[in-house]
């Protein structure tokens, strides 16, 4: 069970992030999680949104380079050691996490959400579900 993540190439100059977020907002796309990794000249903006196909089209129509990647959206207990428990499930099956970032922090329950990309996606799904962790589907994501 994976969710779609948009990766957007962004020039590292004033106003680019504002432009992207305004384009998405004006087109009814809700950003559910985001991360940006940058260098001196450019960055890669990673987004989880409520409508990835629409977001991709809006960005492409406005000359942004964008791709879609399948990643995992993981629900963990928001307590000390909650993340460590999930990482232990992956480690025991020799699965590496390529990157990870936080998303959809819930103030109404004791749950945190993470987006992660693993080197072996299918094996990661199995390890985490067998370890008792809940993965969020693309359908569920739209309702969070």
N, C-alpha and C. Protein backbone atom coordinates (compact mmCIF):
# COMPACT_ATOMS: atom_id res chain seq x y z
N UNK A 1 0.86 -1.18 0.00
CA UNK A 1 0.00 0.00 0.00
C UNK A 1 0.90 1.23 0.00
N UNK A 2 0.84 1.98 -1.05
CA UNK A 2 1.67 3.17 -1.18
C UNK A 2 0.81 4.40 -1.46
N UNK A 3 1.43 5.55 -1.30
CA UNK A 3 0.80 6.82 -1.68
C UNK A 3 1.70 7.50 -2.70
N UNK A 4 1.13 8.40 -3.45
CA UNK A 4 1.88 9.10 -4.49
C UNK A 4 2.49 10.38 -3.94
N UNK A 5 3.77 10.53 -4.20
CA UNK A 5 4.51 11.72 -3.78
C UNK A 5 4.97 12.48 -5.03
N UNK A 6 4.77 13.77 -5.03
CA UNK A 6 5.28 14.60 -6.12
C UNK A 6 6.66 15.10 -5.74
N UNK A 7 7.58 15.06 -6.67
CA UNK A 7 8.91 15.64 -6.49
C UNK A 7 9.03 16.75 -7.53
N UNK A 8 9.25 17.96 -7.05
CA UNK A 8 9.27 19.14 -7.92
C UNK A 8 10.66 19.76 -7.87
N UNK A 9 11.25 19.95 -9.04
CA UNK A 9 12.53 20.65 -9.14
C UNK A 9 12.24 22.14 -8.97
N UNK A 10 12.92 22.77 -8.01
CA UNK A 10 12.66 24.17 -7.70
C UNK A 10 13.97 24.96 -7.70
N UNK A 11 14.01 26.00 -8.51
CA UNK A 11 15.16 26.89 -8.47
C UNK A 11 15.22 27.56 -7.11
N UNK A 12 16.41 27.69 -6.57
CA UNK A 12 16.59 28.29 -5.26
C UNK A 12 16.66 29.81 -5.40
N UNK A 13 15.46 30.41 -5.56
CA UNK A 13 15.37 31.86 -5.64
C UNK A 13 14.06 32.32 -5.02
N UNK A 14 14.05 33.55 -4.61
CA UNK A 14 12.90 34.11 -3.90
C UNK A 14 11.61 33.96 -4.70
N UNK A 15 10.57 33.53 -4.02
CA UNK A 15 9.24 33.47 -4.62
C UNK A 15 8.84 32.15 -5.25
N UNK A 16 9.79 31.24 -5.48
CA UNK A 16 9.44 29.99 -6.16
C UNK A 16 8.51 29.13 -5.30
N UNK A 17 8.81 28.98 -4.04
CA UNK A 17 7.95 28.17 -3.17
C UNK A 17 6.59 28.83 -3.01
N UNK A 18 6.56 30.14 -2.91
CA UNK A 18 5.30 30.87 -2.84
C UNK A 18 4.47 30.63 -4.09
N UNK A 19 5.12 30.64 -5.25
CA UNK A 19 4.44 30.43 -6.52
C UNK A 19 3.82 29.04 -6.57
N UNK A 20 4.57 28.03 -6.19
CA UNK A 20 4.08 26.65 -6.23
C UNK A 20 2.89 26.47 -5.29
N UNK A 21 3.03 26.92 -4.06
CA UNK A 21 1.95 26.72 -3.09
C UNK A 21 0.69 27.50 -3.47
N UNK A 22 0.85 28.67 -4.06
CA UNK A 22 -0.30 29.45 -4.52
C UNK A 22 -0.98 28.76 -5.69
N UNK A 23 -0.21 28.25 -6.66
CA UNK A 23 -0.78 27.52 -7.79
C UNK A 23 -1.62 26.35 -7.31
N UNK A 24 -1.07 25.59 -6.39
CA UNK A 24 -1.79 24.43 -5.89
C UNK A 24 -3.04 24.85 -5.12
N UNK A 25 -2.90 25.82 -4.25
CA UNK A 25 -4.04 26.30 -3.47
C UNK A 25 -5.16 26.85 -4.34
N UNK A 26 -4.79 27.65 -5.33
CA UNK A 26 -5.79 28.24 -6.23
C UNK A 26 -6.51 27.18 -7.06
N UNK A 27 -5.92 26.00 -7.18
CA UNK A 27 -6.53 24.91 -7.94
C UNK A 27 -7.13 23.84 -7.05
N UNK A 28 -7.31 24.16 -5.77
CA UNK A 28 -8.00 23.25 -4.86
C UNK A 28 -7.18 22.05 -4.42
N UNK A 29 -5.87 22.12 -4.54
CA UNK A 29 -5.01 21.02 -4.12
C UNK A 29 -4.53 21.30 -2.70
N UNK A 30 -4.79 20.36 -1.80
CA UNK A 30 -4.43 20.50 -0.40
C UNK A 30 -3.12 19.76 -0.13
N UNK A 31 -2.13 20.48 0.37
CA UNK A 31 -0.85 19.87 0.71
C UNK A 31 -0.98 19.21 2.08
N UNK A 32 -0.67 17.91 2.13
CA UNK A 32 -0.80 17.14 3.36
C UNK A 32 0.54 16.94 4.05
N UNK A 33 1.62 16.98 3.27
CA UNK A 33 2.97 16.86 3.83
C UNK A 33 3.93 17.45 2.82
N UNK A 34 5.06 17.92 3.33
CA UNK A 34 6.07 18.44 2.41
C UNK A 34 7.44 18.42 3.05
N UNK A 35 8.42 18.35 2.17
CA UNK A 35 9.81 18.38 2.57
C UNK A 35 10.58 19.03 1.44
N UNK A 36 11.60 19.78 1.79
CA UNK A 36 12.44 20.35 0.74
C UNK A 36 13.90 20.12 1.11
N UNK A 37 14.64 19.61 0.15
CA UNK A 37 16.08 19.43 0.28
C UNK A 37 16.71 20.36 -0.73
N UNK A 38 17.66 21.16 -0.29
CA UNK A 38 18.19 22.14 -1.21
C UNK A 38 19.71 22.11 -1.30
N UNK A 39 20.18 22.70 -2.37
CA UNK A 39 21.58 22.99 -2.57
C UNK A 39 21.65 24.50 -2.79
N UNK A 40 22.80 24.98 -3.19
CA UNK A 40 22.93 26.42 -3.40
C UNK A 40 22.02 26.93 -4.51
N UNK A 41 21.85 26.14 -5.57
CA UNK A 41 21.15 26.61 -6.75
C UNK A 41 19.73 26.08 -6.94
N UNK A 42 19.40 24.93 -6.36
CA UNK A 42 18.09 24.35 -6.58
C UNK A 42 17.70 23.46 -5.40
N UNK A 43 16.44 23.07 -5.40
CA UNK A 43 15.93 22.17 -4.37
C UNK A 43 14.98 21.16 -4.99
N UNK A 44 14.74 20.12 -4.24
CA UNK A 44 13.71 19.15 -4.60
C UNK A 44 12.62 19.25 -3.53
N UNK A 45 11.45 19.68 -3.96
CA UNK A 45 10.30 19.80 -3.08
C UNK A 45 9.50 18.51 -3.18
N UNK A 46 9.33 17.81 -2.07
CA UNK A 46 8.54 16.59 -2.05
C UNK A 46 7.21 16.92 -1.40
N UNK A 47 6.12 16.55 -2.08
CA UNK A 47 4.77 16.87 -1.62
C UNK A 47 3.89 15.64 -1.60
N UNK A 48 3.08 15.54 -0.57
CA UNK A 48 1.95 14.62 -0.53
C UNK A 48 0.72 15.51 -0.56
N UNK A 49 -0.15 15.28 -1.51
CA UNK A 49 -1.32 16.13 -1.69
C UNK A 49 -2.59 15.28 -1.79
N UNK A 50 -3.72 15.93 -1.71
CA UNK A 50 -4.99 15.22 -1.78
C UNK A 50 -5.35 14.76 -3.19
N UNK A 51 -4.74 15.34 -4.22
CA UNK A 51 -5.03 14.97 -5.60
C UNK A 51 -3.74 15.08 -6.41
N UNK A 52 -2.97 14.01 -6.45
CA UNK A 52 -1.65 14.05 -7.07
C UNK A 52 -1.71 14.26 -8.58
N UNK A 53 -2.68 13.68 -9.24
CA UNK A 53 -2.78 13.84 -10.70
C UNK A 53 -3.08 15.30 -11.07
N UNK A 54 -4.01 15.90 -10.34
CA UNK A 54 -4.35 17.30 -10.60
C UNK A 54 -3.15 18.21 -10.31
N UNK A 55 -2.49 17.95 -9.18
CA UNK A 55 -1.33 18.76 -8.81
C UNK A 55 -0.23 18.64 -9.86
N UNK A 56 0.01 17.44 -10.33
CA UNK A 56 1.04 17.24 -11.34
C UNK A 56 0.71 18.03 -12.61
N UNK A 57 -0.54 17.98 -13.03
CA UNK A 57 -0.94 18.69 -14.24
C UNK A 57 -0.80 20.20 -14.09
N UNK A 58 -1.25 20.71 -12.94
CA UNK A 58 -1.14 22.15 -12.67
C UNK A 58 0.32 22.59 -12.72
N UNK A 59 1.18 21.83 -12.08
CA UNK A 59 2.60 22.20 -12.05
C UNK A 59 3.24 22.10 -13.43
N UNK A 60 2.93 21.03 -14.16
CA UNK A 60 3.48 20.90 -15.52
C UNK A 60 2.98 22.01 -16.43
N UNK A 61 1.69 22.36 -16.30
CA UNK A 61 1.13 23.44 -17.11
C UNK A 61 1.81 24.78 -16.84
N UNK A 62 2.47 24.88 -15.69
CA UNK A 62 3.17 26.11 -15.32
C UNK A 62 4.69 25.93 -15.37
N UNK A 63 5.12 24.97 -16.19
CA UNK A 63 6.53 24.77 -16.53
C UNK A 63 7.42 24.29 -15.39
N UNK A 64 6.85 23.59 -14.42
CA UNK A 64 7.66 22.98 -13.38
C UNK A 64 7.98 21.54 -13.77
N UNK A 65 9.21 21.11 -13.49
CA UNK A 65 9.60 19.72 -13.70
C UNK A 65 9.12 18.93 -12.48
N UNK A 66 8.26 17.94 -12.71
CA UNK A 66 7.66 17.20 -11.60
C UNK A 66 7.55 15.72 -11.96
N UNK A 67 7.78 14.87 -10.97
CA UNK A 67 7.60 13.43 -11.15
C UNK A 67 6.78 12.89 -9.98
N UNK A 68 6.23 11.70 -10.17
CA UNK A 68 5.48 11.03 -9.10
C UNK A 68 6.23 9.77 -8.70
N UNK A 69 6.37 9.58 -7.40
CA UNK A 69 7.05 8.42 -6.82
C UNK A 69 6.11 7.78 -5.79
N UNK A 70 6.14 6.47 -5.70
CA UNK A 70 5.37 5.78 -4.67
C UNK A 70 6.19 5.72 -3.39
N UNK A 71 5.56 6.15 -2.29
CA UNK A 71 6.18 6.13 -0.97
C UNK A 71 5.19 5.54 0.03
N UNK A 72 5.64 5.33 1.25
CA UNK A 72 4.77 4.80 2.29
C UNK A 72 4.34 5.93 3.23
N UNK A 73 3.10 5.92 3.62
CA UNK A 73 2.59 6.83 4.65
C UNK A 73 2.27 5.95 5.85
N UNK A 74 3.01 6.15 6.90
CA UNK A 74 3.00 5.27 8.07
C UNK A 74 2.42 5.99 9.27
N UNK A 75 1.49 5.33 9.94
CA UNK A 75 0.93 5.87 11.19
C UNK A 75 1.64 5.20 12.35
N UNK A 76 2.16 6.01 13.27
CA UNK A 76 2.84 5.46 14.45
C UNK A 76 2.28 6.10 15.71
N UNK A 77 2.55 5.47 16.83
CA UNK A 77 2.16 6.03 18.12
C UNK A 77 3.01 7.27 18.39
N UNK A 78 2.35 8.36 18.76
CA UNK A 78 3.06 9.60 19.07
C UNK A 78 3.47 9.57 20.53
N UNK A 79 4.57 8.85 20.78
CA UNK A 79 5.11 8.68 22.13
C UNK A 79 6.60 8.40 22.00
N UNK A 80 7.35 8.58 23.06
CA UNK A 80 8.77 8.23 23.00
C UNK A 80 8.93 6.76 22.59
N UNK A 81 9.75 6.52 21.58
CA UNK A 81 10.00 5.16 21.10
C UNK A 81 9.08 4.71 19.98
N UNK A 82 8.05 5.48 19.64
CA UNK A 82 7.13 5.08 18.57
C UNK A 82 7.84 4.92 17.24
N UNK A 83 8.67 5.87 16.89
CA UNK A 83 9.43 5.80 15.65
C UNK A 83 10.47 4.68 15.72
N UNK A 84 11.11 4.53 16.85
CA UNK A 84 12.13 3.47 17.02
C UNK A 84 11.53 2.09 16.77
N UNK A 85 10.30 1.88 17.22
CA UNK A 85 9.64 0.58 17.00
C UNK A 85 9.44 0.31 15.51
N UNK A 86 9.03 1.32 14.76
CA UNK A 86 8.83 1.15 13.31
C UNK A 86 10.16 0.90 12.61
N UNK A 87 11.18 1.65 13.01
CA UNK A 87 12.49 1.47 12.37
C UNK A 87 13.06 0.09 12.67
N UNK A 88 12.78 -0.44 13.85
CA UNK A 88 13.25 -1.78 14.21
C UNK A 88 12.63 -2.84 13.31
N UNK A 89 11.35 -2.66 12.94
CA UNK A 89 10.68 -3.60 12.02
C UNK A 89 11.41 -3.64 10.67
N UNK A 90 11.80 -2.49 10.21
CA UNK A 90 12.50 -2.43 8.92
C UNK A 90 13.92 -2.98 9.05
N UNK A 91 14.59 -2.63 10.12
CA UNK A 91 15.98 -3.07 10.32
C UNK A 91 16.08 -4.59 10.41
N UNK A 92 15.14 -5.21 11.11
CA UNK A 92 15.22 -6.67 11.27
C UNK A 92 15.09 -7.40 9.93
N UNK A 93 14.48 -6.76 8.93
CA UNK A 93 14.37 -7.35 7.59
C UNK A 93 15.36 -6.73 6.60
N UNK A 94 16.38 -6.03 7.14
CA UNK A 94 17.45 -5.44 6.33
C UNK A 94 16.91 -4.48 5.26
N UNK A 95 15.95 -3.66 5.66
CA UNK A 95 15.36 -2.66 4.76
C UNK A 95 15.89 -1.29 5.16
N UNK A 96 16.42 -0.57 4.19
CA UNK A 96 16.97 0.76 4.43
C UNK A 96 15.94 1.84 4.11
N UNK A 97 15.95 2.88 4.90
CA UNK A 97 15.11 4.05 4.64
C UNK A 97 15.96 5.05 3.87
N UNK A 98 15.50 5.41 2.67
CA UNK A 98 16.23 6.36 1.84
C UNK A 98 16.02 7.79 2.32
N UNK A 99 14.77 8.10 2.70
CA UNK A 99 14.47 9.38 3.32
C UNK A 99 13.12 9.27 4.01
N UNK A 100 12.86 10.24 4.90
CA UNK A 100 11.64 10.22 5.68
C UNK A 100 11.35 11.65 6.14
N UNK A 101 10.06 11.97 6.26
CA UNK A 101 9.67 13.26 6.81
C UNK A 101 8.30 13.14 7.46
N UNK A 102 7.99 14.08 8.35
CA UNK A 102 6.74 14.04 9.11
C UNK A 102 5.59 14.62 8.30
N UNK A 103 4.38 14.18 8.64
CA UNK A 103 3.18 14.63 7.94
C UNK A 103 1.97 14.55 8.85
N UNK A 104 0.93 15.26 8.49
CA UNK A 104 -0.41 15.20 9.09
C UNK A 104 -0.40 15.01 10.61
N UNK A 105 0.28 15.84 11.31
CA UNK A 105 0.32 15.71 12.77
C UNK A 105 -1.09 15.92 13.32
N UNK A 106 -1.54 14.97 14.10
CA UNK A 106 -2.89 15.01 14.65
C UNK A 106 -2.86 15.49 16.09
N UNK A 107 -3.64 16.51 16.37
CA UNK A 107 -3.73 17.00 17.74
C UNK A 107 -4.87 16.35 18.51
N UNK A 108 -5.69 15.55 17.82
CA UNK A 108 -6.86 14.97 18.48
C UNK A 108 -6.63 13.56 19.00
N UNK A 109 -5.56 12.92 18.58
CA UNK A 109 -5.26 11.60 19.13
C UNK A 109 -3.76 11.47 19.30
N UNK A 110 -3.32 10.34 19.72
CA UNK A 110 -1.89 10.14 19.98
C UNK A 110 -1.24 9.43 18.81
N UNK A 111 -1.42 10.00 17.63
CA UNK A 111 -0.92 9.41 16.40
C UNK A 111 -0.06 10.43 15.66
N UNK A 112 1.03 9.94 15.10
CA UNK A 112 1.87 10.75 14.20
C UNK A 112 1.94 10.03 12.87
N UNK A 113 2.17 10.76 11.83
CA UNK A 113 2.27 10.18 10.49
C UNK A 113 3.62 10.52 9.89
N UNK A 114 4.19 9.56 9.19
CA UNK A 114 5.47 9.74 8.54
C UNK A 114 5.37 9.33 7.09
N UNK A 115 6.11 9.99 6.24
CA UNK A 115 6.28 9.58 4.86
C UNK A 115 7.68 9.02 4.76
N UNK A 116 7.81 7.84 4.17
CA UNK A 116 9.14 7.29 4.00
C UNK A 116 9.28 6.56 2.68
N UNK A 117 10.50 6.59 2.19
CA UNK A 117 10.84 5.82 1.01
C UNK A 117 11.89 4.81 1.43
N UNK A 118 11.60 3.55 1.14
CA UNK A 118 12.50 2.46 1.51
C UNK A 118 13.13 1.89 0.25
N UNK A 119 14.26 1.23 0.41
CA UNK A 119 14.93 0.64 -0.74
C UNK A 119 14.17 -0.57 -1.28
N UNK A 120 13.36 -1.20 -0.45
CA UNK A 120 12.55 -2.36 -0.87
C UNK A 120 11.12 -2.12 -0.41
N UNK A 121 10.33 -1.45 -1.25
CA UNK A 121 9.00 -1.00 -0.86
C UNK A 121 8.09 -2.15 -0.45
N UNK A 122 7.97 -3.19 -1.28
CA UNK A 122 7.07 -4.29 -0.96
C UNK A 122 7.45 -4.98 0.34
N UNK A 123 8.74 -5.19 0.53
CA UNK A 123 9.21 -5.82 1.77
C UNK A 123 8.94 -4.93 2.97
N UNK A 124 9.07 -3.62 2.78
CA UNK A 124 8.79 -2.67 3.87
C UNK A 124 7.33 -2.72 4.26
N UNK A 125 6.43 -2.80 3.28
CA UNK A 125 5.00 -2.92 3.56
C UNK A 125 4.74 -4.16 4.40
N UNK A 126 5.31 -5.27 4.00
CA UNK A 126 5.12 -6.53 4.73
C UNK A 126 5.67 -6.43 6.14
N UNK A 127 6.89 -5.94 6.28
CA UNK A 127 7.52 -5.85 7.61
C UNK A 127 6.72 -4.96 8.55
N UNK A 128 6.28 -3.83 8.05
CA UNK A 128 5.55 -2.89 8.91
C UNK A 128 4.16 -3.42 9.28
N UNK A 129 3.45 -3.99 8.32
CA UNK A 129 2.11 -4.50 8.65
C UNK A 129 2.21 -5.71 9.58
N UNK A 130 3.19 -6.58 9.35
CA UNK A 130 3.37 -7.71 10.26
C UNK A 130 3.81 -7.24 11.64
N UNK A 131 4.46 -6.07 11.71
CA UNK A 131 4.86 -5.49 12.99
C UNK A 131 3.74 -4.74 13.69
N UNK A 132 2.56 -4.74 13.08
CA UNK A 132 1.40 -4.10 13.70
C UNK A 132 1.22 -2.64 13.36
N UNK A 133 1.96 -2.14 12.38
CA UNK A 133 1.84 -0.74 12.00
C UNK A 133 0.80 -0.56 10.90
N UNK A 134 0.16 0.59 10.90
CA UNK A 134 -0.88 0.92 9.92
C UNK A 134 -0.29 1.81 8.86
N UNK A 135 -0.46 1.40 7.60
CA UNK A 135 -0.07 2.24 6.47
C UNK A 135 -1.32 2.93 5.94
N UNK A 136 -1.18 4.19 5.59
CA UNK A 136 -2.30 4.98 5.09
C UNK A 136 -2.34 4.86 3.57
N UNK A 137 -3.50 4.58 3.03
CA UNK A 137 -3.67 4.45 1.57
C UNK A 137 -3.88 5.83 0.94
N UNK A 138 -3.75 5.87 -0.38
CA UNK A 138 -4.04 7.12 -1.10
C UNK A 138 -5.48 7.58 -0.85
N UNK A 139 -6.42 6.63 -0.79
CA UNK A 139 -7.82 6.97 -0.52
C UNK A 139 -8.00 7.56 0.86
N UNK A 140 -7.41 6.94 1.87
CA UNK A 140 -7.48 7.46 3.25
C UNK A 140 -6.84 8.83 3.35
N UNK A 141 -5.75 9.01 2.62
CA UNK A 141 -5.00 10.26 2.65
C UNK A 141 -5.89 11.44 2.29
N UNK A 142 -6.77 11.24 1.33
CA UNK A 142 -7.63 12.32 0.87
C UNK A 142 -8.63 12.76 1.94
N UNK A 143 -8.89 11.89 2.92
CA UNK A 143 -9.87 12.23 3.94
C UNK A 143 -9.24 12.73 5.24
N UNK A 144 -7.92 12.67 5.34
CA UNK A 144 -7.25 13.14 6.58
C UNK A 144 -7.23 14.64 6.67
